[in-house]
């Protein structure tokens, strides 16, 4: 089974949404996603939880996690969320960067747009790699 790591700086928005979408749409026998951040926040942004709840995904138990080499080692991909120079690099792990706006401090309307873009990218990524 392949492991995918979605990462952003605070692991409180984009990467949490991406991992949740991935685990909803990918065949769990083929691939599984985790999310992490280089400087994890204390909690997932409430507006992100609200936007995901609208689509039936509960992030209330999700907790930001520190991205460590051990967590990323052996991953099939490290997908970064447009974190620029703060994006991590893990030797030997292919990196994809999805430059997405940070939902921090944004209203629900903007976060819905980000959520829907994350979903579209995840669905395409899963299909392209045969994990559906």
N, C-alpha and C. Protein backbone atom coordinates (compact mmCIF):
# COMPACT_ATOMS: atom_id res chain seq x y z
N UNK A 1 0.84 -1.18 0.00
CA UNK A 1 0.00 0.00 0.00
C UNK A 1 0.89 1.25 0.00
N UNK A 2 0.50 2.23 -0.78
CA UNK A 2 1.24 3.49 -0.88
C UNK A 2 0.80 4.45 0.22
N UNK A 3 1.75 5.21 0.72
CA UNK A 3 1.46 6.24 1.71
C UNK A 3 1.80 7.59 1.10
N UNK A 4 0.86 8.51 1.20
CA UNK A 4 1.01 9.86 0.66
C UNK A 4 1.03 10.82 1.84
N UNK A 5 1.96 11.76 1.83
CA UNK A 5 2.03 12.77 2.87
C UNK A 5 1.66 14.12 2.26
N UNK A 6 0.64 14.74 2.82
CA UNK A 6 0.25 16.10 2.43
C UNK A 6 0.80 17.03 3.51
N UNK A 7 1.55 18.05 3.09
CA UNK A 7 2.20 18.92 4.06
C UNK A 7 2.02 20.39 3.73
N UNK A 8 1.86 21.17 4.79
CA UNK A 8 1.91 22.62 4.70
C UNK A 8 2.57 23.11 5.98
N UNK A 9 2.70 24.38 6.14
CA UNK A 9 3.45 24.90 7.28
C UNK A 9 2.77 24.54 8.60
N UNK A 10 1.51 24.90 8.76
CA UNK A 10 0.84 24.75 10.06
C UNK A 10 0.00 23.48 10.19
N UNK A 11 -0.23 22.78 9.09
CA UNK A 11 -1.02 21.55 9.12
C UNK A 11 -2.38 21.79 9.77
N UNK A 12 -2.96 22.93 9.47
CA UNK A 12 -4.23 23.29 10.10
C UNK A 12 -5.32 23.60 9.07
N UNK A 13 -5.00 23.42 7.79
CA UNK A 13 -5.97 23.76 6.75
C UNK A 13 -5.85 22.90 5.52
N UNK A 14 -5.06 23.37 4.55
CA UNK A 14 -4.97 22.71 3.24
C UNK A 14 -4.56 21.25 3.32
N UNK A 15 -3.51 20.96 4.06
CA UNK A 15 -3.03 19.57 4.13
C UNK A 15 -4.01 18.67 4.87
N UNK A 16 -4.71 19.22 5.85
CA UNK A 16 -5.75 18.43 6.54
C UNK A 16 -6.89 18.10 5.58
N UNK A 17 -7.30 19.10 4.79
CA UNK A 17 -8.37 18.86 3.81
C UNK A 17 -7.92 17.83 2.79
N UNK A 18 -6.70 17.96 2.28
CA UNK A 18 -6.21 17.06 1.24
C UNK A 18 -6.16 15.61 1.73
N UNK A 19 -5.63 15.39 2.92
CA UNK A 19 -5.55 14.03 3.45
C UNK A 19 -6.94 13.45 3.67
N UNK A 20 -7.85 14.27 4.17
CA UNK A 20 -9.21 13.79 4.40
C UNK A 20 -9.90 13.42 3.09
N UNK A 21 -9.76 14.28 2.07
CA UNK A 21 -10.34 13.95 0.76
C UNK A 21 -9.71 12.69 0.20
N UNK A 22 -8.38 12.61 0.30
CA UNK A 22 -7.67 11.45 -0.25
C UNK A 22 -8.20 10.17 0.39
N UNK A 23 -8.31 10.16 1.69
CA UNK A 23 -8.74 8.94 2.38
C UNK A 23 -10.21 8.63 2.14
N UNK A 24 -10.97 9.62 1.70
CA UNK A 24 -12.37 9.37 1.34
C UNK A 24 -12.46 8.72 -0.04
N UNK A 25 -11.63 9.18 -1.00
CA UNK A 25 -11.82 8.73 -2.39
C UNK A 25 -10.88 7.61 -2.83
N UNK A 26 -9.75 7.44 -2.18
CA UNK A 26 -8.81 6.39 -2.58
C UNK A 26 -9.22 5.04 -2.01
N UNK A 27 -8.91 4.00 -2.75
CA UNK A 27 -9.13 2.64 -2.27
C UNK A 27 -8.15 2.40 -1.12
N UNK A 28 -8.64 2.12 0.10
CA UNK A 28 -7.74 1.97 1.24
C UNK A 28 -6.80 0.77 1.13
N UNK A 29 -7.07 -0.13 0.20
CA UNK A 29 -6.16 -1.26 -0.03
C UNK A 29 -4.98 -0.85 -0.90
N UNK A 30 -5.11 0.31 -1.56
CA UNK A 30 -4.06 0.77 -2.48
C UNK A 30 -3.24 1.93 -1.92
N UNK A 31 -3.87 2.84 -1.19
CA UNK A 31 -3.15 4.03 -0.72
C UNK A 31 -3.86 4.65 0.47
N UNK A 32 -3.06 5.33 1.27
CA UNK A 32 -3.56 6.03 2.46
C UNK A 32 -2.77 7.33 2.60
N UNK A 33 -3.42 8.36 3.10
CA UNK A 33 -2.75 9.65 3.27
C UNK A 33 -2.66 10.05 4.73
N UNK A 34 -1.58 10.79 5.03
CA UNK A 34 -1.42 11.45 6.31
C UNK A 34 -1.10 12.91 6.01
N UNK A 35 -1.29 13.76 7.01
CA UNK A 35 -0.94 15.16 6.81
C UNK A 35 -0.04 15.60 7.95
N UNK A 36 0.78 16.60 7.67
CA UNK A 36 1.73 17.09 8.66
C UNK A 36 2.17 18.50 8.28
N UNK A 37 2.86 19.15 9.20
CA UNK A 37 3.34 20.50 8.96
C UNK A 37 4.72 20.73 9.52
N UNK A 38 5.42 21.68 8.94
CA UNK A 38 6.76 22.00 9.41
C UNK A 38 6.73 22.77 10.73
N UNK A 39 5.66 23.53 10.95
CA UNK A 39 5.46 24.27 12.21
C UNK A 39 4.00 24.11 12.61
N UNK A 40 3.62 22.93 13.10
CA UNK A 40 2.20 22.65 13.34
C UNK A 40 1.54 23.63 14.31
N UNK A 41 0.32 23.98 13.99
CA UNK A 41 -0.50 24.84 14.84
C UNK A 41 -1.03 24.01 16.02
N UNK A 42 -1.77 24.67 16.87
CA UNK A 42 -2.36 23.98 18.02
C UNK A 42 -3.61 23.19 17.64
N UNK A 43 -4.29 23.63 16.57
CA UNK A 43 -5.54 22.97 16.19
C UNK A 43 -5.84 23.28 14.71
N UNK A 44 -6.73 22.50 14.14
CA UNK A 44 -7.21 22.75 12.78
C UNK A 44 -8.08 24.00 12.81
N UNK A 45 -7.96 24.83 11.79
CA UNK A 45 -8.76 26.06 11.72
C UNK A 45 -10.26 25.72 11.79
N UNK A 46 -11.01 26.36 12.68
CA UNK A 46 -12.45 26.06 12.80
C UNK A 46 -13.21 26.23 11.49
N UNK A 47 -12.88 27.25 10.70
CA UNK A 47 -13.59 27.47 9.44
C UNK A 47 -13.31 26.33 8.46
N UNK A 48 -12.13 25.72 8.53
CA UNK A 48 -11.81 24.55 7.70
C UNK A 48 -12.67 23.36 8.15
N UNK A 49 -12.79 23.18 9.45
CA UNK A 49 -13.65 22.10 9.96
C UNK A 49 -15.09 22.31 9.50
N UNK A 50 -15.57 23.56 9.55
CA UNK A 50 -16.94 23.85 9.13
C UNK A 50 -17.13 23.55 7.64
N UNK A 51 -16.18 23.98 6.81
CA UNK A 51 -16.30 23.77 5.36
C UNK A 51 -16.29 22.28 5.02
N UNK A 52 -15.44 21.52 5.70
CA UNK A 52 -15.38 20.08 5.43
C UNK A 52 -16.63 19.38 5.96
N UNK A 53 -17.13 19.82 7.09
CA UNK A 53 -18.36 19.24 7.64
C UNK A 53 -19.53 19.40 6.68
N UNK A 54 -19.55 20.53 5.95
CA UNK A 54 -20.59 20.74 4.94
C UNK A 54 -20.59 19.64 3.89
N UNK A 55 -19.45 19.02 3.68
CA UNK A 55 -19.32 17.95 2.68
C UNK A 55 -19.28 16.57 3.34
N UNK A 56 -19.62 16.50 4.61
CA UNK A 56 -19.72 15.22 5.30
C UNK A 56 -18.42 14.65 5.81
N UNK A 57 -17.39 15.50 5.94
CA UNK A 57 -16.10 15.04 6.46
C UNK A 57 -15.85 15.71 7.81
N UNK A 58 -15.70 14.89 8.83
CA UNK A 58 -15.52 15.37 10.20
C UNK A 58 -14.03 15.47 10.52
N UNK A 59 -13.56 16.68 10.74
CA UNK A 59 -12.16 16.90 11.12
C UNK A 59 -12.03 17.24 12.61
N UNK A 60 -13.07 16.99 13.40
CA UNK A 60 -13.03 17.37 14.80
C UNK A 60 -11.96 16.63 15.60
N UNK A 61 -11.57 15.46 15.15
CA UNK A 61 -10.53 14.71 15.88
C UNK A 61 -9.15 14.89 15.23
N UNK A 62 -9.09 15.61 14.12
CA UNK A 62 -7.80 15.83 13.44
C UNK A 62 -6.93 16.77 14.28
N UNK A 63 -5.66 16.45 14.36
CA UNK A 63 -4.71 17.27 15.11
C UNK A 63 -3.49 17.55 14.25
N UNK A 64 -3.04 18.81 14.21
CA UNK A 64 -1.81 19.11 13.48
C UNK A 64 -0.65 18.28 14.02
N UNK A 65 0.17 17.79 13.09
CA UNK A 65 1.28 16.90 13.40
C UNK A 65 2.56 17.45 12.81
N UNK A 66 3.65 17.25 13.48
CA UNK A 66 4.96 17.68 13.01
C UNK A 66 5.44 16.78 11.88
N UNK A 67 5.88 17.38 10.80
CA UNK A 67 6.46 16.61 9.70
C UNK A 67 7.90 16.26 10.08
N UNK A 68 8.15 14.99 10.20
CA UNK A 68 9.49 14.51 10.53
C UNK A 68 9.99 13.63 9.40
N UNK A 69 11.30 13.46 9.30
CA UNK A 69 11.83 12.54 8.28
C UNK A 69 11.27 11.13 8.44
N UNK A 70 11.04 10.72 9.68
CA UNK A 70 10.50 9.38 9.92
C UNK A 70 9.08 9.25 9.37
N UNK A 71 8.28 10.30 9.54
CA UNK A 71 6.91 10.28 9.03
C UNK A 71 6.89 10.21 7.51
N UNK A 72 7.79 10.94 6.88
CA UNK A 72 7.79 11.02 5.42
C UNK A 72 8.57 9.89 4.75
N UNK A 73 9.47 9.27 5.49
CA UNK A 73 10.30 8.22 4.88
C UNK A 73 9.43 7.09 4.34
N UNK A 74 9.74 6.70 3.13
CA UNK A 74 9.01 5.62 2.50
C UNK A 74 7.71 6.04 1.84
N UNK A 75 7.39 7.32 1.91
CA UNK A 75 6.17 7.80 1.26
C UNK A 75 6.31 7.72 -0.26
N UNK A 76 5.21 7.45 -0.92
CA UNK A 76 5.21 7.43 -2.38
C UNK A 76 5.32 8.85 -2.93
N UNK A 77 4.71 9.81 -2.23
CA UNK A 77 4.76 11.21 -2.62
C UNK A 77 4.67 12.09 -1.38
N UNK A 78 5.31 13.24 -1.46
CA UNK A 78 5.11 14.33 -0.52
C UNK A 78 4.46 15.44 -1.33
N UNK A 79 3.23 15.78 -0.97
CA UNK A 79 2.50 16.82 -1.68
C UNK A 79 2.46 18.05 -0.79
N UNK A 80 3.14 19.11 -1.23
CA UNK A 80 3.17 20.35 -0.47
C UNK A 80 2.07 21.27 -0.98
N UNK A 81 1.66 22.19 -0.12
CA UNK A 81 0.50 23.02 -0.41
C UNK A 81 0.86 24.47 -0.68
N UNK A 82 1.91 24.70 -1.46
CA UNK A 82 2.25 26.07 -1.82
C UNK A 82 2.86 26.85 -0.67
N UNK A 83 3.68 26.20 0.11
CA UNK A 83 4.26 26.86 1.28
C UNK A 83 5.58 27.56 0.97
N UNK A 84 5.94 27.66 -0.28
CA UNK A 84 7.13 28.41 -0.69
C UNK A 84 8.41 27.87 -0.08
N UNK A 85 9.23 28.77 0.43
CA UNK A 85 10.52 28.39 0.98
C UNK A 85 10.40 27.55 2.25
N UNK A 86 9.23 27.55 2.87
CA UNK A 86 9.02 26.76 4.08
C UNK A 86 8.66 25.31 3.77
N UNK A 87 8.47 25.00 2.48
CA UNK A 87 8.10 23.64 2.12
C UNK A 87 9.24 22.68 2.45
N UNK A 88 8.89 21.53 2.96
CA UNK A 88 9.92 20.56 3.33
C UNK A 88 10.50 19.83 2.13
N UNK A 89 11.66 19.25 2.36
CA UNK A 89 12.30 18.40 1.38
C UNK A 89 12.72 17.13 2.11
N UNK A 90 12.32 16.00 1.58
CA UNK A 90 12.68 14.71 2.16
C UNK A 90 13.44 13.93 1.09
N UNK A 91 14.72 13.65 1.29
CA UNK A 91 15.50 12.94 0.27
C UNK A 91 14.83 11.62 -0.12
N UNK A 92 14.78 11.41 -1.43
CA UNK A 92 14.24 10.16 -1.95
C UNK A 92 12.73 10.10 -2.11
N UNK A 93 12.03 11.14 -1.67
CA UNK A 93 10.57 11.15 -1.79
C UNK A 93 10.18 12.17 -2.86
N UNK A 94 9.48 11.72 -3.91
CA UNK A 94 9.04 12.66 -4.95
C UNK A 94 8.12 13.73 -4.36
N UNK A 95 8.33 14.97 -4.77
CA UNK A 95 7.54 16.09 -4.25
C UNK A 95 6.69 16.68 -5.37
N UNK A 96 5.43 16.90 -5.04
CA UNK A 96 4.51 17.65 -5.89
C UNK A 96 4.13 18.89 -5.10
N UNK A 97 4.05 20.03 -5.75
CA UNK A 97 3.61 21.23 -5.05
C UNK A 97 2.30 21.71 -5.65
N UNK A 98 1.31 21.87 -4.80
CA UNK A 98 0.02 22.40 -5.19
C UNK A 98 -0.09 23.80 -4.59
N UNK A 99 0.19 24.84 -5.35
CA UNK A 99 0.13 26.20 -4.80
C UNK A 99 -1.33 26.63 -4.57
N UNK A 100 -1.76 26.48 -3.34
CA UNK A 100 -3.13 26.81 -2.96
C UNK A 100 -3.11 27.91 -1.91
N UNK A 101 -4.10 28.79 -1.91
CA UNK A 101 -4.15 29.85 -0.90
C UNK A 101 -4.34 29.24 0.50
N UNK A 102 -3.79 29.91 1.48
CA UNK A 102 -3.91 29.48 2.87
C UNK A 102 -5.29 29.91 3.39
N UNK A 103 -6.07 28.99 3.97
CA UNK A 103 -7.38 29.36 4.48
C UNK A 103 -7.35 30.14 5.80
N UNK A 104 -6.18 30.23 6.42
CA UNK A 104 -6.07 30.92 7.71
C UNK A 104 -6.59 32.35 7.59
N UNK A 105 -7.51 32.69 8.48
CA UNK A 105 -8.05 34.04 8.52
C UNK A 105 -9.08 34.36 7.46
N UNK A 106 -9.43 33.38 6.64
CA UNK A 106 -10.39 33.61 5.56
C UNK A 106 -11.81 33.24 6.02
N UNK A 107 -12.78 33.82 5.37
CA UNK A 107 -14.17 33.52 5.65
C UNK A 107 -14.60 32.21 4.99
N UNK A 108 -15.76 31.75 5.36
CA UNK A 108 -16.25 30.46 4.88
C UNK A 108 -16.37 30.42 3.36
N UNK A 109 -16.76 31.51 2.73
CA UNK A 109 -16.91 31.51 1.27
C UNK A 109 -15.57 31.22 0.59
N UNK A 110 -14.52 31.86 1.03
CA UNK A 110 -13.18 31.64 0.46
C UNK A 110 -12.68 30.23 0.76
N UNK A 111 -12.96 29.75 1.96
CA UNK A 111 -12.51 28.41 2.33
C UNK A 111 -13.25 27.34 1.53
N UNK A 112 -14.49 27.58 1.19
CA UNK A 112 -15.22 26.64 0.33
C UNK A 112 -14.55 26.52 -1.04
N UNK A 113 -14.09 27.64 -1.57
CA UNK A 113 -13.40 27.62 -2.87
C UNK A 113 -12.11 26.80 -2.75
N UNK A 114 -11.35 27.03 -1.69
CA UNK A 114 -10.12 26.27 -1.47
C UNK A 114 -10.44 24.79 -1.28
N UNK A 115 -11.44 24.48 -0.48
CA UNK A 115 -11.87 23.10 -0.24
C UNK A 115 -12.20 22.40 -1.56
N UNK A 116 -12.94 23.07 -2.42
CA UNK A 116 -13.35 22.46 -3.68
C UNK A 116 -12.16 22.26 -4.62
N UNK A 117 -11.21 23.18 -4.59
CA UNK A 117 -10.00 23.03 -5.40
C UNK A 117 -9.16 21.86 -4.89
N UNK A 118 -9.04 21.74 -3.57
CA UNK A 118 -8.31 20.62 -2.98
C UNK A 118 -8.98 19.31 -3.39
N UNK A 119 -10.30 19.25 -3.29
CA UNK A 119 -11.01 18.03 -3.67
C UNK A 119 -10.75 17.66 -5.13
N UNK A 120 -10.83 18.64 -6.03
CA UNK A 120 -10.61 18.37 -7.45
C UNK A 120 -9.19 17.86 -7.70
N UNK A 121 -8.21 18.47 -7.07
CA UNK A 121 -6.82 18.02 -7.25
C UNK A 121 -6.62 16.62 -6.70
N UNK A 122 -7.19 16.34 -5.53
CA UNK A 122 -7.04 15.01 -4.93
C UNK A 122 -7.70 13.97 -5.81
N UNK A 123 -8.90 14.22 -6.27
CA UNK A 123 -9.60 13.24 -7.12
C UNK A 123 -8.79 12.94 -8.38
N UNK A 124 -8.24 13.98 -9.01
CA UNK A 124 -7.42 13.78 -10.22
C UNK A 124 -6.15 13.00 -9.89
N UNK A 125 -5.50 13.31 -8.77
CA UNK A 125 -4.28 12.64 -8.33
C UNK A 125 -4.54 11.15 -8.06
N UNK A 126 -5.63 10.86 -7.39
CA UNK A 126 -5.99 9.47 -7.10
C UNK A 126 -6.25 8.71 -8.40
N UNK A 127 -7.03 9.29 -9.29
CA UNK A 127 -7.35 8.64 -10.55
C UNK A 127 -6.10 8.44 -11.41
N UNK A 128 -5.28 9.46 -11.51
CA UNK A 128 -4.06 9.41 -12.33
C UNK A 128 -3.10 8.31 -11.87
N UNK A 129 -3.11 8.00 -10.59
CA UNK A 129 -2.21 6.99 -10.05
C UNK A 129 -2.87 5.62 -9.85
N UNK A 130 -4.13 5.50 -10.25
CA UNK A 130 -4.81 4.21 -10.17
C UNK A 130 -5.14 3.77 -8.75
N UNK A 131 -5.33 4.73 -7.85
CA UNK A 131 -5.65 4.38 -6.46
C UNK A 131 -7.14 4.41 -6.17
N UNK A 132 -7.96 4.59 -7.24
CA UNK A 132 -9.40 4.62 -7.02
C UNK A 132 -9.99 3.22 -7.06
